[in-house]
Amino acid sequence: MKTHCCETMTRQVNAVCKKHPNLFDCPDQIISYIPKFDEYGLIIHDGGSSTIKISFCPWCGIKLPPSKCDLWFDTLEALGFDDPFEQEIPQAFQSDKWYRE
């Protein structure tokens, strides 16, 4: 289990609801974390999977790491993947492994 900036953020990001397997369906889940982008967001509970990207922790106030979303796309494009959502991309790019190694 990855630790985050503070204990509360770690609890929120790693929370699992027994009633709602999809975190976007759980009214108690307020933070999303996308490991492959290293990106945090506030969940918009509108029936979809929308979030508002955040740059600071709502609990401890620490600056969160910048999103690696653009870098993810740029890196894949440099490897020859022009449509990573339609192409079979390397497994490392499905998690945070691609930028940690």
PDB file of N, CA and C in Angstrom:
ATOM      1  N   MET A   1       0.845  -1.176   0.000  1.00  0.00           N
ATOM      2  CA  MET A   1       0.000   0.000   0.000  1.00  0.00           C
ATOM      3  C   MET A   1       0.895   1.244   0.000  1.00  0.00           C
ATOM      4  N   LYS A   2       0.648   2.129  -0.954  1.00  0.00           N
ATOM      5  CA  LYS A   2       1.415   3.367  -1.061  1.00  0.00           C
ATOM      6  C   LYS A   2       1.007   4.317   0.054  1.00  0.00           C
ATOM      7  N   THR A   3       2.000   4.965   0.637  1.00  0.00           N
ATOM      8  CA  THR A   3       1.697   6.025   1.591  1.00  0.00           C
ATOM      9  C   THR A   3       1.692   7.351   0.839  1.00  0.00           C
ATOM     10  N   HIS A   4       0.931   8.270   1.331  1.00  0.00           N
ATOM     11  CA  HIS A   4       0.780   9.567   0.688  1.00  0.00           C
ATOM     12  C   HIS A   4       1.265  10.647   1.648  1.00  0.00           C
ATOM     13  N   CYS A   5       0.941  11.874   1.408  1.00  0.00           N
ATOM     14  CA  CYS A   5       1.500  12.997   2.152  1.00  0.00           C
ATOM     15  C   CYS A   5       1.198  12.989   3.649  1.00  0.00           C
ATOM     16  N   CYS A   6       0.060  12.446   4.019  1.00  0.00           N
ATOM     17  CA  CYS A   6      -0.322  12.403   5.428  1.00  0.00           C
ATOM     18  C   CYS A   6      -1.200  11.172   5.675  1.00  0.00           C
ATOM     19  N   GLU A   7      -1.414  10.880   6.919  1.00  0.00           N
ATOM     20  CA  GLU A   7      -2.201   9.699   7.285  1.00  0.00           C
ATOM     21  C   GLU A   7      -3.633   9.769   6.750  1.00  0.00           C
ATOM     22  N   THR A   8      -4.243  10.940   6.804  1.00  0.00           N
ATOM     23  CA  THR A   8      -5.626  11.078   6.336  1.00  0.00           C
ATOM     24  C   THR A   8      -5.718  10.859   4.830  1.00  0.00           C
ATOM     25  N   MET A   9      -4.783  11.436   4.071  1.00  0.00           N
ATOM     26  CA  MET A   9      -4.785  11.242   2.619  1.00  0.00           C
ATOM     27  C   MET A   9      -4.564   9.763   2.296  1.00  0.00           C
ATOM     28  N   THR A  10      -3.649   9.128   2.985  1.00  0.00           N
ATOM     29  CA  THR A  10      -3.385   7.702   2.757  1.00  0.00           C
ATOM     30  C   THR A  10      -4.646   6.881   3.016  1.00  0.00           C
ATOM     31  N   ARG A  11      -5.346   7.179   4.112  1.00  0.00           N
ATOM     32  CA  ARG A  11      -6.605   6.472   4.427  1.00  0.00           C
ATOM     33  C   ARG A  11      -7.648   6.712   3.345  1.00  0.00           C
ATOM     34  N   GLN A  12      -7.807   7.954   2.917  1.00  0.00           N
ATOM     35  CA  GLN A  12      -8.811   8.291   1.903  1.00  0.00           C
ATOM     36  C   GLN A  12      -8.528   7.607   0.573  1.00  0.00           C
ATOM     37  N   VAL A  13      -7.285   7.670   0.124  1.00  0.00           N
ATOM     38  CA  VAL A  13      -6.918   7.103  -1.171  1.00  0.00           C
ATOM     39  C   VAL A  13      -7.030   5.577  -1.169  1.00  0.00           C
ATOM     40  N   ASN A  14      -6.712   4.956  -0.048  1.00  0.00           N
ATOM     41  CA  ASN A  14      -6.703   3.497   0.023  1.00  0.00           C
ATOM     42  C   ASN A  14      -8.010   2.900   0.553  1.00  0.00           C
ATOM     43  N   ALA A  15      -9.001   3.739   0.817  1.00  0.00           N
ATOM     44  CA  ALA A  15     -10.275   3.247   1.347  1.00  0.00           C
ATOM     45  C   ALA A  15     -10.976   2.352   0.326  1.00  0.00           C
ATOM     46  N   VAL A  16     -11.592   1.299   0.840  1.00  0.00           N
ATOM     47  CA  VAL A  16     -12.365   0.377   0.005  1.00  0.00           C
ATOM     48  C   VAL A  16     -13.753   0.257   0.625  1.00  0.00           C
ATOM     49  N   CYS A  17     -14.764   0.494  -0.172  1.00  0.00           N
ATOM     50  CA  CYS A  17     -16.140   0.410   0.301  1.00  0.00           C
ATOM     51  C   CYS A  17     -16.710  -0.961  -0.063  1.00  0.00           C
ATOM     52  N   LYS A  18     -17.283  -1.646   0.922  1.00  0.00           N
ATOM     53  CA  LYS A  18     -17.873  -2.967   0.671  1.00  0.00           C
ATOM     54  C   LYS A  18     -19.170  -2.872  -0.134  1.00  0.00           C
ATOM     55  N   LYS A  19     -19.857  -1.752  -0.057  1.00  0.00           N
ATOM     56  CA  LYS A  19     -21.119  -1.580  -0.778  1.00  0.00           C
ATOM     57  C   LYS A  19     -20.917  -1.103  -2.214  1.00  0.00           C
ATOM     58  N   HIS A  20     -19.815  -0.387  -2.454  1.00  0.00           N
ATOM     59  CA  HIS A  20     -19.588   0.232  -3.763  1.00  0.00           C
ATOM     60  C   HIS A  20     -18.207  -0.147  -4.284  1.00  0.00           C
ATOM     61  N   PRO A  21     -18.117  -1.179  -5.114  1.00  0.00           N
ATOM     62  CA  PRO A  21     -16.816  -1.588  -5.650  1.00  0.00           C
ATOM     63  C   PRO A  21     -16.152  -0.484  -6.488  1.00  0.00           C
ATOM     64  N   ASN A  22     -16.958   0.361  -7.135  1.00  0.00           N
ATOM     65  CA  ASN A  22     -16.435   1.481  -7.913  1.00  0.00           C
ATOM     66  C   ASN A  22     -16.390   2.705  -6.999  1.00  0.00           C
ATOM     67  N   LEU A  23     -15.211   3.258  -6.768  1.00  0.00           N
ATOM     68  CA  LEU A  23     -15.081   4.379  -5.831  1.00  0.00           C
ATOM     69  C   LEU A  23     -15.921   5.588  -6.230  1.00  0.00           C
ATOM     70  N   PHE A  24     -16.227   5.738  -7.513  1.00  0.00           N
ATOM     71  CA  PHE A  24     -17.032   6.873  -7.957  1.00  0.00           C
ATOM     72  C   PHE A  24     -18.508   6.719  -7.584  1.00  0.00           C
ATOM     73  N   ASP A  25     -18.923   5.520  -7.199  1.00  0.00           N
ATOM     74  CA  ASP A  25     -20.299   5.275  -6.772  1.00  0.00           C
ATOM     75  C   ASP A  25     -20.482   5.472  -5.274  1.00  0.00           C
ATOM     76  N   CYS A  26     -19.387   5.555  -4.520  1.00  0.00           N
ATOM     77  CA  CYS A  26     -19.461   5.650  -3.058  1.00  0.00           C
ATOM     78  C   CYS A  26     -19.535   7.110  -2.622  1.00  0.00           C
ATOM     79  N   PRO A  27     -20.614   7.502  -1.953  1.00  0.00           N
ATOM     80  CA  PRO A  27     -20.744   8.894  -1.526  1.00  0.00           C
ATOM     81  C   PRO A  27     -19.732   9.304  -0.458  1.00  0.00           C
ATOM     82  N   ASP A  28     -19.125   8.330   0.213  1.00  0.00           N
ATOM     83  CA  ASP A  28     -18.132   8.635   1.242  1.00  0.00           C
ATOM     84  C   ASP A  28     -16.727   8.822   0.677  1.00  0.00           C
ATOM     85  N   GLN A  29     -16.514   8.403  -0.549  1.00  0.00           N
ATOM     86  CA  GLN A  29     -15.189   8.536  -1.180  1.00  0.00           C
ATOM     87  C   GLN A  29     -15.098   9.925  -1.803  1.00  0.00           C
ATOM     88  N   ILE A  30     -14.101  10.705  -1.401  1.00  0.00           N
ATOM     89  CA  ILE A  30     -14.006  12.071  -1.917  1.00  0.00           C
ATOM     90  C   ILE A  30     -12.717  12.338  -2.698  1.00  0.00           C
ATOM     91  N   ILE A  31     -11.736  11.451  -2.583  1.00  0.00           N
ATOM     92  CA  ILE A  31     -10.454  11.636  -3.265  1.00  0.00           C
ATOM     93  C   ILE A  31     -10.209  10.473  -4.215  1.00  0.00           C
ATOM     94  N   SER A  32      -9.743  10.794  -5.416  1.00  0.00           N
ATOM     95  CA  SER A  32      -9.284   9.742  -6.311  1.00  0.00           C
ATOM     96  C   SER A  32      -7.783   9.919  -6.490  1.00  0.00           C
ATOM     97  N   TYR A  33      -7.110   8.816  -6.721  1.00  0.00           N
ATOM     98  CA  TYR A  33      -5.680   8.859  -7.006  1.00  0.00           C
ATOM     99  C   TYR A  33      -5.427   7.926  -8.180  1.00  0.00           C
ATOM    100  N   ILE A  34      -4.783   8.452  -9.218  1.00  0.00           N
ATOM    101  CA  ILE A  34      -4.458   7.665 -10.405  1.00  0.00           C
ATOM    102  C   ILE A  34      -2.952   7.426 -10.392  1.00  0.00           C
ATOM    103  N   PRO A  35      -2.520   6.229  -9.991  1.00  0.00           N
ATOM    104  CA  PRO A  35      -1.088   5.968  -9.864  1.00  0.00           C
ATOM    105  C   PRO A  35      -0.288   6.203 -11.145  1.00  0.00           C
ATOM    106  N   LYS A  36      -0.807   5.784 -12.303  1.00  0.00           N
ATOM    107  CA  LYS A  36      -0.012   5.918 -13.527  1.00  0.00           C
ATOM    108  C   LYS A  36       0.249   7.370 -13.894  1.00  0.00           C
ATOM    109  N   PHE A  37      -0.586   8.289 -13.398  1.00  0.00           N
ATOM    110  CA  PHE A  37      -0.378   9.723 -13.630  1.00  0.00           C
ATOM    111  C   PHE A  37       0.144  10.435 -12.380  1.00  0.00           C
ATOM    112  N   ASP A  38       0.194   9.727 -11.238  1.00  0.00           N
ATOM    113  CA  ASP A  38       0.563  10.332  -9.953  1.00  0.00           C
ATOM    114  C   ASP A  38      -0.295  11.576  -9.719  1.00  0.00           C
ATOM    115  N   GLU A  39      -1.615  11.397  -9.920  1.00  0.00           N
ATOM    116  CA  GLU A  39      -2.543  12.528  -9.933  1.00  0.00           C
ATOM    117  C   GLU A  39      -3.663  12.336  -8.912  1.00  0.00           C
ATOM    118  N   TYR A  40      -3.923  13.399  -8.158  1.00  0.00           N
ATOM    119  CA  TYR A  40      -4.977  13.406  -7.148  1.00  0.00           C
ATOM    120  C   TYR A  40      -6.134  14.275  -7.618  1.00  0.00           C
ATOM    121  N   GLY A  41      -7.348  13.898  -7.227  1.00  0.00           N
ATOM    122  CA  GLY A  41      -8.491  14.710  -7.590  1.00  0.00           C
ATOM    123  C   GLY A  41      -9.635  14.569  -6.604  1.00  0.00           C
ATOM    124  N   LEU A  42     -10.481  15.585  -6.563  1.00  0.00           N
ATOM    125  CA  LEU A  42     -11.728  15.534  -5.793  1.00  0.00           C
ATOM    126  C   LEU A  42     -12.793  14.928  -6.689  1.00  0.00           C
ATOM    127  N   ILE A  43     -13.479  13.933  -6.184  1.00  0.00           N
ATOM    128  CA  ILE A  43     -14.500  13.245  -6.966  1.00  0.00           C
ATOM    129  C   ILE A  43     -15.760  14.101  -7.073  1.00  0.00           C
ATOM    130  N   ILE A  44     -16.276  14.220  -8.293  1.00  0.00           N
ATOM    131  CA  ILE A  44     -17.541  14.901  -8.549  1.00  0.00           C
ATOM    132  C   ILE A  44     -18.615  13.819  -8.585  1.00  0.00           C
ATOM    133  N   HIS A  45     -19.447  13.781  -7.583  1.00  0.00           N
ATOM    134  CA  HIS A  45     -20.472  12.733  -7.487  1.00  0.00           C
ATOM    135  C   HIS A  45     -21.695  13.116  -8.325  1.00  0.00           C
ATOM    136  N   ASP A  46     -21.545  12.921  -9.644  1.00  0.00           N
ATOM    137  CA  ASP A  46     -22.629  13.245 -10.572  1.00  0.00           C
ATOM    138  C   ASP A  46     -23.057  12.031 -11.388  1.00  0.00           C
ATOM    139  N   GLY A  47     -22.644  10.847 -10.947  1.00  0.00           N
ATOM    140  CA  GLY A  47     -22.992   9.622 -11.661  1.00  0.00           C
ATOM    141  C   GLY A  47     -21.927   9.174 -12.638  1.00  0.00           C
ATOM    142  N   GLY A  48     -20.900   9.978 -12.836  1.00  0.00           N
ATOM    143  CA  GLY A  48     -19.815   9.623 -13.755  1.00  0.00           C
ATOM    144  C   GLY A  48     -18.511   9.395 -13.008  1.00  0.00           C
ATOM    145  N   SER A  49     -17.417   9.612 -13.708  1.00  0.00           N
ATOM    146  CA  SER A  49     -16.106   9.415 -13.086  1.00  0.00           C
ATOM    147  C   SER A  49     -15.264  10.688 -13.175  1.00  0.00           C
ATOM    148  N   SER A  50     -15.923  11.831 -13.059  1.00  0.00           N
ATOM    149  CA  SER A  50     -15.230  13.115 -13.142  1.00  0.00           C
ATOM    150  C   SER A  50     -14.546  13.460 -11.825  1.00  0.00           C
ATOM    151  N   THR A  51     -13.419  14.157 -11.965  1.00  0.00           N
ATOM    152  CA  THR A  51     -12.709  14.681 -10.800  1.00  0.00           C
ATOM    153  C   THR A  51     -12.226  16.090 -11.106  1.00  0.00           C
ATOM    154  N   ILE A  52     -11.900  16.796 -10.048  1.00  0.00           N
ATOM    155  CA  ILE A  52     -11.224  18.082 -10.166  1.00  0.00           C
ATOM    156  C   ILE A  52      -9.825  17.864  -9.625  1.00  0.00           C
ATOM    157  N   LYS A  53      -8.829  18.058 -10.492  1.00  0.00           N
ATOM    158  CA  LYS A  53      -7.444  17.841 -10.086  1.00  0.00           C
ATOM    159  C   LYS A  53      -7.090  18.811  -8.971  1.00  0.00           C
ATOM    160  N   ILE A  54      -6.370  18.300  -7.964  1.00  0.00           N
ATOM    161  CA  ILE A  54      -5.936  19.153  -6.859  1.00  0.00           C
ATOM    162  C   ILE A  54      -4.412  19.171  -6.794  1.00  0.00           C
ATOM    163  N   SER A  55      -3.878  20.272  -6.305  1.00  0.00           N
ATOM    164  CA  SER A  55      -2.431  20.448  -6.209  1.00  0.00           C
ATOM    165  C   SER A  55      -1.927  20.435  -4.777  1.00  0.00           C
ATOM    166  N   PHE A  56      -2.852  20.554  -3.817  1.00  0.00           N
ATOM    167  CA  PHE A  56      -2.477  20.565  -2.411  1.00  0.00           C
ATOM    168  C   PHE A  56      -3.378  19.605  -1.647  1.00  0.00           C
ATOM    169  N   CYS A  57      -2.840  18.979  -0.623  1.00  0.00           N
ATOM    170  CA  CYS A  57      -3.628  18.067   0.210  1.00  0.00           C
ATOM    171  C   CYS A  57      -4.661  18.871   0.992  1.00  0.00           C
ATOM    172  N   PRO A  58      -5.936  18.438   0.960  1.00  0.00           N
ATOM    173  CA  PRO A  58      -6.980  19.147   1.705  1.00  0.00           C
ATOM    174  C   PRO A  58      -6.822  19.054   3.222  1.00  0.00           C
ATOM    175  N   TRP A  59      -6.023  18.096   3.716  1.00  0.00           N
ATOM    176  CA  TRP A  59      -5.885  17.898   5.154  1.00  0.00           C
ATOM    177  C   TRP A  59      -4.608  18.503   5.722  1.00  0.00           C
ATOM    178  N   CYS A  60      -3.468  18.242   5.104  1.00  0.00           N
ATOM    179  CA  CYS A  60      -2.209  18.735   5.673  1.00  0.00           C
ATOM    180  C   CYS A  60      -1.665  19.948   4.931  1.00  0.00           C
ATOM    181  N   GLY A  61      -2.204  20.242   3.753  1.00  0.00           N
ATOM    182  CA  GLY A  61      -1.803  21.425   3.012  1.00  0.00           C
ATOM    183  C   GLY A  61      -0.528  21.297   2.196  1.00  0.00           C
ATOM    184  N   ILE A  62       0.122  20.140   2.250  1.00  0.00           N
ATOM    185  CA  ILE A  62       1.373  19.969   1.509  1.00  0.00           C
ATOM    186  C   ILE A  62       1.111  19.991   0.003  1.00  0.00           C
ATOM    187  N   LYS A  63       2.077  20.525  -0.748  1.00  0.00           N
ATOM    188  CA  LYS A  63       1.963  20.535  -2.208  1.00  0.00           C
ATOM    189  C   LYS A  63       2.114  19.103  -2.706  1.00  0.00           C
ATOM    190  N   LEU A  64       1.168  18.670  -3.519  1.00  0.00           N
ATOM    191  CA  LEU A  64       1.191  17.322  -4.080  1.00  0.00           C
ATOM    192  C   LEU A  64       2.099  17.313  -5.309  1.00  0.00           C
ATOM    193  N   PRO A  65       2.591  16.141  -5.699  1.00  0.00           N
ATOM    194  CA  PRO A  65       3.453  16.093  -6.884  1.00  0.00           C
ATOM    195  C   PRO A  65       2.670  16.518  -8.125  1.00  0.00           C
ATOM    196  N   PRO A  66       3.358  17.129  -9.087  1.00  0.00           N
ATOM    197  CA  PRO A  66       2.652  17.495 -10.319  1.00  0.00           C
ATOM    198  C   PRO A  66       2.193  16.247 -11.065  1.00  0.00           C
ATOM    199  N   SER A  67       1.058  16.345 -11.719  1.00  0.00           N
ATOM    200  CA  SER A  67       0.538  15.225 -12.497  1.00  0.00           C
ATOM    201  C   SER A  67       1.537  14.839 -13.586  1.00  0.00           C
ATOM    202  N   LYS A  68       1.642  13.555 -13.811  1.00  0.00           N
ATOM    203  CA  LYS A  68       2.513  13.048 -14.868  1.00  0.00           C
ATOM    204  C   LYS A  68       1.702  12.632 -16.102  1.00  0.00           C
ATOM    205  N   CYS A  69       0.471  13.112 -16.189  1.00  0.00           N
ATOM    206  CA  CYS A  69      -0.409  12.749 -17.297  1.00  0.00           C
ATOM    207  C   CYS A  69       0.192  13.139 -18.646  1.00  0.00           C
ATOM    208  N   ASP A  70       0.600  14.387 -18.796  1.00  0.00           N
ATOM    209  CA  ASP A  70       1.193  14.830 -20.068  1.00  0.00           C
ATOM    210  C   ASP A  70       2.468  14.054 -20.383  1.00  0.00           C
ATOM    211  N   LEU A  71       3.282  13.817 -19.354  1.00  0.00           N
ATOM    212  CA  LEU A  71       4.520  13.054 -19.546  1.00  0.00           C
ATOM    213  C   LEU A  71       4.212  11.625 -19.979  1.00  0.00           C
ATOM    214  N   TRP A  72       3.144  11.027 -19.436  1.00  0.00           N
ATOM    215  CA  TRP A  72       2.722   9.674 -19.792  1.00  0.00           C
ATOM    216  C   TRP A  72       2.431   9.599 -21.290  1.00  0.00           C
ATOM    217  N   PHE A  73       1.604  10.548 -21.767  1.00  0.00           N
ATOM    218  CA  PHE A  73       1.268  10.577 -23.193  1.00  0.00           C
ATOM    219  C   PHE A  73       2.498  10.857 -24.053  1.00  0.00           C
ATOM    220  N   ASP A  74       3.326  11.814 -23.628  1.00  0.00           N
ATOM    221  CA  ASP A  74       4.531  12.159 -24.396  1.00  0.00           C
ATOM    222  C   ASP A  74       5.493  10.979 -24.480  1.00  0.00           C
ATOM    223  N   THR A  75       5.667  10.273 -23.372  1.00  0.00           N
ATOM    224  CA  THR A  75       6.574   9.128 -23.342  1.00  0.00           C
ATOM    225  C   THR A  75       6.073   8.015 -24.252  1.00  0.00           C
ATOM    226  N   LEU A  76       4.778   7.733 -24.185  1.00  0.00           N
ATOM    227  CA  LEU A  76       4.208   6.706 -25.056  1.00  0.00           C
ATOM    228  C   LEU A  76       4.295   7.107 -26.526  1.00  0.00           C
ATOM    229  N   GLU A  77       4.055   8.373 -26.814  1.00  0.00           N
ATOM    230  CA  GLU A  77       4.152   8.835 -28.198  1.00  0.00           C
ATOM    231  C   GLU A  77       5.585   8.665 -28.716  1.00  0.00           C
ATOM    232  N   ALA A  78       6.576   8.960 -27.874  1.00  0.00           N
ATOM    233  CA  ALA A  78       7.976   8.787 -28.273  1.00  0.00           C
ATOM    234  C   ALA A  78       8.305   7.320 -28.539  1.00  0.00           C
ATOM    235  N   LEU A  79       7.538   6.418 -27.904  1.00  0.00           N
ATOM    236  CA  LEU A  79       7.728   4.980 -28.113  1.00  0.00           C
ATOM    237  C   LEU A  79       6.906   4.464 -29.302  1.00  0.00           C
ATOM    238  N   GLY A  80       6.164   5.358 -29.971  1.00  0.00           N
ATOM    239  CA  GLY A  80       5.405   4.970 -31.152  1.00  0.00           C
ATOM    240  C   GLY A  80       3.935   4.687 -30.918  1.00  0.00           C
ATOM    241  N   PHE A  81       3.426   4.998 -29.739  1.00  0.00           N
ATOM    242  CA  PHE A  81       2.005   4.782 -29.437  1.00  0.00           C
ATOM    243  C   PHE A  81       1.265   6.102 -29.599  1.00  0.00           C
ATOM    244  N   ASP A  82       0.473   6.228 -30.663  1.00  0.00           N
ATOM    245  CA  ASP A  82      -0.235   7.472 -30.905  1.00  0.00           C
ATOM    246  C   ASP A  82      -1.669   7.463 -30.366  1.00  0.00           C
ATOM    247  N   ASP A  83      -2.160   6.294 -29.956  1.00  0.00           N
ATOM    248  CA  ASP A  83      -3.505   6.188 -29.387  1.00  0.00           C
ATOM    249  C   ASP A  83      -3.492   5.132 -28.277  1.00  0.00           C
ATOM    250  N   PRO A  84      -2.910   5.478 -27.124  1.00  0.00           N
ATOM    251  CA  PRO A  84      -2.708   4.481 -26.065  1.00  0.00           C
ATOM    252  C   PRO A  84      -3.991   3.877 -25.479  1.00  0.00           C
ATOM    253  N   PHE A  85      -5.131   4.521 -25.695  1.00  0.00           N
ATOM    254  CA  PHE A  85      -6.375   3.943 -25.185  1.00  0.00           C
ATOM    255  C   PHE A  85      -6.932   2.888 -26.131  1.00  0.00           C
ATOM    256  N   GLU A  86      -6.447   2.868 -27.344  1.00  0.00           N
ATOM    257  CA  GLU A  86      -6.876   1.881 -28.331  1.00  0.00           C
ATOM    258  C   GLU A  86      -5.788   0.850 -28.633  1.00  0.00           C
ATOM    259  N   GLN A  87      -4.557   1.156 -28.280  1.00  0.00           N
ATOM    260  CA  GLN A  87      -3.435   0.261 -28.554  1.00  0.00           C
ATOM    261  C   GLN A  87      -3.047  -0.512 -27.300  1.00  0.00           C
ATOM    262  N   GLU A  88      -2.443  -1.648 -27.519  1.00  0.00           N
ATOM    263  CA  GLU A  88      -1.931  -2.424 -26.388  1.00  0.00           C
ATOM    264  C   GLU A  88      -0.567  -1.853 -26.014  1.00  0.00           C
ATOM    265  N   ILE A  89      -0.535  -1.177 -24.869  1.00  0.00           N
ATOM    266  CA  ILE A  89       0.694  -0.524 -24.431  1.00  0.00           C
ATOM    267  C   ILE A  89       1.425  -1.418 -23.426  1.00  0.00           C
ATOM    268  N   PRO A  90       2.725  -1.165 -23.203  1.00  0.00           N
ATOM    269  CA  PRO A  90       3.474  -1.969 -22.237  1.00  0.00           C
ATOM    270  C   PRO A  90       2.821  -1.959 -20.852  1.00  0.00           C
ATOM    271  N   GLN A  91       2.880  -3.086 -20.173  1.00  0.00           N
ATOM    272  CA  GLN A  91       2.254  -3.254 -18.859  1.00  0.00           C
ATOM    273  C   GLN A  91       2.709  -2.207 -17.850  1.00  0.00           C
ATOM    274  N   ALA A  92       3.963  -1.794 -17.917  1.00  0.00           N
ATOM    275  CA  ALA A  92       4.487  -0.810 -16.962  1.00  0.00           C
ATOM    276  C   ALA A  92       3.699   0.490 -17.000  1.00  0.00           C
ATOM    277  N   PHE A  93       3.082   0.814 -18.137  1.00  0.00           N
ATOM    278  CA  PHE A  93       2.343   2.061 -18.276  1.00  0.00           C
ATOM    279  C   PHE A  93       0.924   1.971 -17.726  1.00  0.00           C
ATOM    280  N   GLN A  94       0.532   0.834 -17.201  1.00  0.00           N
ATOM    281  CA  GLN A  94      -0.768   0.681 -16.562  1.00  0.00           C
ATOM    282  C   GLN A  94      -0.708   1.048 -15.077  1.00  0.00           C
ATOM    283  N   SER A  95       0.492   1.307 -14.572  1.00  0.00           N
ATOM    284  CA  SER A  95       0.683   1.644 -13.156  1.00  0.00           C
ATOM    285  C   SER A  95       1.735   2.745 -13.062  1.00  0.00           C
ATOM    286  N   ASP A  96       2.233   2.944 -11.870  1.00  0.00           N
ATOM    287  CA  ASP A  96       3.285   3.938 -11.666  1.00  0.00           C
ATOM    288  C   ASP A  96       4.675   3.385 -11.969  1.00  0.00           C
ATOM    289  N   LYS A  97       4.739   2.163 -12.398  1.00  0.00           N
ATOM    290  CA  LYS A  97       6.028   1.512 -12.659  1.00  0.00           C
ATOM    291  C   LYS A  97       6.845   2.263 -13.714  1.00  0.00           C
ATOM    292  N   TRP A  98       6.200   2.839 -14.722  1.00  0.00           N
ATOM    293  CA  TRP A  98       6.906   3.484 -15.820  1.00  0.00           C
ATOM    294  C   TRP A  98       7.752   4.671 -15.368  1.00  0.00           C
ATOM    295  N   TYR A  99       7.340   5.407 -14.332  1.00  0.00           N
ATOM    296  CA  TYR A  99       8.145   6.547 -13.888  1.00  0.00           C
ATOM    297  C   TYR A  99       8.954   6.235 -12.631  1.00  0.00           C
ATOM    298  N   ARG A 100       8.676   5.145 -11.985  1.00  0.00           N
ATOM    299  CA  ARG A 100       9.427   4.793 -10.774  1.00  0.00           C
ATOM    300  C   ARG A 100      10.735   4.049 -11.105  1.00  0.00           C
ATOM    301  N   GLU A 101      10.777   3.432 -12.268  1.00  0.00           N
ATOM    302  CA  GLU A 101      11.975   2.640 -12.621  1.00  0.00           C
ATOM    303  C   GLU A 101      12.907   3.412 -13.515  1.00  0.00           C
TER     304      GLU A 101
END
